[in-house]
Every structure is written in structure tokens, then in C-alpha cells.
Amino acid sequence: MATPIFQPVPCLMVVGSDDGLANEAARALPGITHLRVAHVAAAVERMLVTRPLVVIVDESVAGADFERVAECARDIRAEILRASIPLRANLEASLHSALVGAERARAEGLSARPRPVE
């Protein structure tokens, strides 16, 4: 009998304390599971288990903590987006693009790189 291969449920993770951003992301992608994590340590721990396709980090997360989240996201081939005014202006399109990029990266076995959103 072959060992089953784990296939995580496609999901999006929002890291930080911005309720508005989490709600906007939920409205932008209603058909995907959303995870909300307030603290960086918990986010990194959960990423290893849930393997989100996209991780959005809000403005409340400082530089060194952002790098911890970004490193873990790269390791699991997730797209990482840093919350900003331009991102919020085009949130739905940015999330769709990030989802496609992460799915492609995982299928090809490549590490996704953090993408600046301008």
C-alpha cells in the first residue's frame, strides 16, 4: 500500500492585528479558507502545518519579524505580500495573481520570492 501524499487545503493567511485587512481579504477571495494570526511566532508555527498559498503581513509587523515570516513563507513556497496602500487598492487582483504564482511555484518545485507591490 502506497503512503498517501499530504495535500493541504488551499488557504490564505493574514498576519498581524489589522481587522480591516483580514476582512477585505475575506471579501476578495470568498471561496478559499482564511487563517488569521495576530503574532509572528504563531504564524510561523501554523504556516508549517497549514501551508498557506498566500501570506499577507500587515503594517503592525516590524522588519525583523517580517523577515521571519517571509523566510518561512519562502520555505513552503508561499507568496508573501506586505500590506500597503497600493496592495489594498488592488487587493483582489493582487491576491488572485499571488495564488496563481504560489500554485505554479509549488507545482514546479520552485521557491516563490517576495513580490513588491507598487
C-alpha atoms as a PDB file:
ATOM      1  CA  MET A   1       0.000   0.000   0.000  1.00  0.00           C
ATOM      2  CA  ALA A   2       1.388   3.374  -1.006  1.00  0.00           C
ATOM      3  CA  THR A   3       1.848   6.151   1.513  1.00  0.00           C
ATOM      4  CA  PRO A   4      -0.705   8.908   0.891  1.00  0.00           C
ATOM      5  CA  ILE A   5       0.721  12.291  -0.042  1.00  0.00           C
ATOM      6  CA  PHE A   6      -0.409  15.172   2.146  1.00  0.00           C
ATOM      7  CA  GLN A   7      -2.256  17.827   0.169  1.00  0.00           C
ATOM      8  CA  PRO A   8      -3.061  20.882   2.293  1.00  0.00           C
ATOM      9  CA  VAL A   9      -6.314  22.747   1.759  1.00  0.00           C
ATOM     10  CA  PRO A  10      -5.622  25.912  -0.272  1.00  0.00           C
ATOM     11  CA  CYS A  11      -5.694  28.826   2.124  1.00  0.00           C
ATOM     12  CA  LEU A  12      -4.674  32.422   2.718  1.00  0.00           C
ATOM     13  CA  MET A  13      -3.051  33.655   5.949  1.00  0.00           C
ATOM     14  CA  VAL A  14      -3.225  37.209   7.263  1.00  0.00           C
ATOM     15  CA  VAL A  15      -0.556  38.003   9.860  1.00  0.00           C
ATOM     16  CA  GLY A  16      -0.944  40.968  12.202  1.00  0.00           C
ATOM     17  CA  SER A  17      -3.629  42.909  14.001  1.00  0.00           C
ATOM     18  CA  ASP A  18      -5.383  44.740  11.134  1.00  0.00           C
ATOM     19  CA  ASP A  19      -9.020  43.609  11.228  1.00  0.00           C
ATOM     20  CA  GLY A  20      -9.837  45.681   8.154  1.00  0.00           C
ATOM     21  CA  LEU A  21      -7.215  43.952   6.011  1.00  0.00           C
ATOM     22  CA  ALA A  22      -8.378  40.493   7.097  1.00  0.00           C
ATOM     23  CA  ASN A  23     -11.983  41.386   6.266  1.00  0.00           C
ATOM     24  CA  GLU A  24     -11.013  42.837   2.876  1.00  0.00           C
ATOM     25  CA  ALA A  25      -9.061  39.680   2.028  1.00  0.00           C
ATOM     26  CA  ALA A  26     -12.043  37.514   3.012  1.00  0.00           C
ATOM     27  CA  ARG A  27     -14.312  39.547   0.717  1.00  0.00           C
ATOM     28  CA  ALA A  28     -11.771  39.461  -2.117  1.00  0.00           C
ATOM     29  CA  LEU A  29     -11.458  35.652  -2.042  1.00  0.00           C
ATOM     30  CA  PRO A  30     -14.641  34.224  -0.535  1.00  0.00           C
ATOM     31  CA  GLY A  31     -14.076  30.707  -1.875  1.00  0.00           C
ATOM     32  CA  ILE A  32     -10.817  29.993  -0.054  1.00  0.00           C
ATOM     33  CA  THR A  33     -10.077  29.238   3.599  1.00  0.00           C
ATOM     34  CA  HIS A  34      -8.730  32.237   5.523  1.00  0.00           C
ATOM     35  CA  LEU A  35      -6.457  31.998   8.535  1.00  0.00           C
ATOM     36  CA  ARG A  36      -5.969  34.944  10.827  1.00  0.00           C
ATOM     37  CA  VAL A  37      -2.906  35.048  13.097  1.00  0.00           C
ATOM     38  CA  ALA A  38      -2.042  38.040  15.259  1.00  0.00           C
ATOM     39  CA  HIS A  39       1.515  37.118  16.282  1.00  0.00           C
ATOM     40  CA  VAL A  40       4.581  36.234  14.235  1.00  0.00           C
ATOM     41  CA  ALA A  41       5.630  33.204  16.299  1.00  0.00           C
ATOM     42  CA  ALA A  42       2.182  31.660  15.959  1.00  0.00           C
ATOM     43  CA  ALA A  43       2.100  32.470  12.241  1.00  0.00           C
ATOM     44  CA  VAL A  44       5.426  30.739  11.580  1.00  0.00           C
ATOM     45  CA  GLU A  45       4.337  27.697  13.575  1.00  0.00           C
ATOM     46  CA  ARG A  46       0.981  27.446  11.781  1.00  0.00           C
ATOM     47  CA  MET A  47       2.489  28.006   8.326  1.00  0.00           C
ATOM     48  CA  LEU A  48       4.486  24.801   8.641  1.00  0.00           C
ATOM     49  CA  VAL A  49       1.284  22.830   9.222  1.00  0.00           C
ATOM     50  CA  THR A  50      -1.348  24.642   7.148  1.00  0.00           C
ATOM     51  CA  ARG A  51       0.974  25.613   4.249  1.00  0.00           C
ATOM     52  CA  PRO A  52      -0.987  28.645   3.020  1.00  0.00           C
ATOM     53  CA  LEU A  53      -0.582  29.612  -0.625  1.00  0.00           C
ATOM     54  CA  VAL A  54      -0.506  33.330   0.184  1.00  0.00           C
ATOM     55  CA  VAL A  55       0.624  35.132   3.339  1.00  0.00           C
ATOM     56  CA  ILE A  56      -0.309  38.792   3.812  1.00  0.00           C
ATOM     57  CA  VAL A  57       1.638  40.636   6.504  1.00  0.00           C
ATOM     58  CA  ASP A  58       0.103  43.860   7.754  1.00  0.00           C
ATOM     59  CA  GLU A  59       1.824  47.077   8.796  1.00  0.00           C
ATOM     60  CA  SER A  60       1.848  46.153  12.510  1.00  0.00           C
ATOM     61  CA  VAL A  61       4.603  43.556  11.893  1.00  0.00           C
ATOM     62  CA  ALA A  62       8.084  45.080  12.238  1.00  0.00           C
ATOM     63  CA  GLY A  63      11.067  44.466   9.928  1.00  0.00           C
ATOM     64  CA  ALA A  64      12.836  41.581  11.706  1.00  0.00           C
ATOM     65  CA  ASP A  65       9.545  39.834  12.370  1.00  0.00           C
ATOM     66  CA  PHE A  66       8.524  40.326   8.750  1.00  0.00           C
ATOM     67  CA  GLU A  67      11.743  38.600   7.689  1.00  0.00           C
ATOM     68  CA  ARG A  68      10.932  35.588   9.911  1.00  0.00           C
ATOM     69  CA  VAL A  69       7.527  35.272   8.274  1.00  0.00           C
ATOM     70  CA  ALA A  70       8.988  35.814   4.784  1.00  0.00           C
ATOM     71  CA  GLU A  71      11.647  33.139   5.301  1.00  0.00           C
ATOM     72  CA  CYS A  72       9.080  30.580   6.410  1.00  0.00           C
ATOM     73  CA  ALA A  73       6.783  31.541   3.507  1.00  0.00           C
ATOM     74  CA  ARG A  74       9.627  31.004   1.037  1.00  0.00           C
ATOM     75  CA  ASP A  75      10.385  27.624   2.590  1.00  0.00           C
ATOM     76  CA  ILE A  76       6.826  26.414   1.994  1.00  0.00           C
ATOM     77  CA  ARG A  77       6.699  28.085  -1.458  1.00  0.00           C
ATOM     78  CA  ALA A  78       4.007  30.572  -0.472  1.00  0.00           C
ATOM     79  CA  GLU A  79       3.663  34.015  -1.967  1.00  0.00           C
ATOM     80  CA  ILE A  80       4.145  36.779   0.597  1.00  0.00           C
ATOM     81  CA  LEU A  81       2.538  40.185   0.311  1.00  0.00           C
ATOM     82  CA  ARG A  82       3.304  43.164   2.522  1.00  0.00           C
ATOM     83  CA  ALA A  83       0.214  45.255   3.217  1.00  0.00           C
ATOM     84  CA  SER A  84       0.372  48.703   1.678  1.00  0.00           C
ATOM     85  CA  ILE A  85      -1.936  51.307   0.173  1.00  0.00           C
ATOM     86  CA  PRO A  86      -1.306  50.076  -3.412  1.00  0.00           C
ATOM     87  CA  LEU A  87      -1.948  46.472  -2.359  1.00  0.00           C
ATOM     88  CA  ARG A  88      -5.245  47.414  -0.769  1.00  0.00           C
ATOM     89  CA  ALA A  89      -6.266  49.411  -3.826  1.00  0.00           C
ATOM     90  CA  ASN A  90      -5.898  46.281  -5.995  1.00  0.00           C
ATOM     91  CA  LEU A  91      -6.332  43.603  -3.340  1.00  0.00           C
ATOM     92  CA  GLU A  92      -8.499  41.176  -5.297  1.00  0.00           C
ATOM     93  CA  ALA A  93      -6.257  41.229  -8.390  1.00  0.00           C
ATOM     94  CA  SER A  94      -3.099  41.007  -6.262  1.00  0.00           C
ATOM     95  CA  LEU A  95      -4.437  38.035  -4.320  1.00  0.00           C
ATOM     96  CA  HIS A  96      -5.508  36.185  -7.461  1.00  0.00           C
ATOM     97  CA  SER A  97      -2.092  36.787  -9.019  1.00  0.00           C
ATOM     98  CA  ALA A  98      -0.325  35.621  -5.844  1.00  0.00           C
ATOM     99  CA  LEU A  99      -2.473  32.472  -5.664  1.00  0.00           C
ATOM    100  CA  VAL A 100      -1.649  31.553  -9.243  1.00  0.00           C
ATOM    101  CA  GLY A 101       2.051  32.233  -8.647  1.00  0.00           C
ATOM    102  CA  ALA A 102       2.141  30.102  -5.491  1.00  0.00           C
ATOM    103  CA  GLU A 103       0.287  27.217  -7.142  1.00  0.00           C
ATOM    104  CA  ARG A 104       2.708  27.357 -10.062  1.00  0.00           C
ATOM    105  CA  ALA A 105       5.750  27.506  -7.755  1.00  0.00           C
ATOM    106  CA  ARG A 106       4.575  24.501  -5.779  1.00  0.00           C
ATOM    107  CA  ALA A 107       3.807  22.544  -8.924  1.00  0.00           C
ATOM    108  CA  GLU A 108       7.242  23.322 -10.346  1.00  0.00           C
ATOM    109  CA  GLY A 109       9.034  22.879  -7.028  1.00  0.00           C
ATOM    110  CA  LEU A 110      10.433  26.414  -7.060  1.00  0.00           C
ATOM    111  CA  SER A 111      10.666  28.834  -4.173  1.00  0.00           C
ATOM    112  CA  ALA A 112       8.405  31.821  -4.571  1.00  0.00           C
ATOM    113  CA  ARG A 113      10.104  35.148  -3.929  1.00  0.00           C
ATOM    114  CA  PRO A 114       8.552  38.079  -2.040  1.00  0.00           C
ATOM    115  CA  ARG A 115       6.980  40.369  -4.586  1.00  0.00           C
ATOM    116  CA  PRO A 116       6.936  44.117  -4.075  1.00  0.00           C
ATOM    117  CA  VAL A 117       3.509  45.546  -4.780  1.00  0.00           C
ATOM    118  CA  GLU A 118       3.644  49.026  -6.233  1.00  0.00           C
END
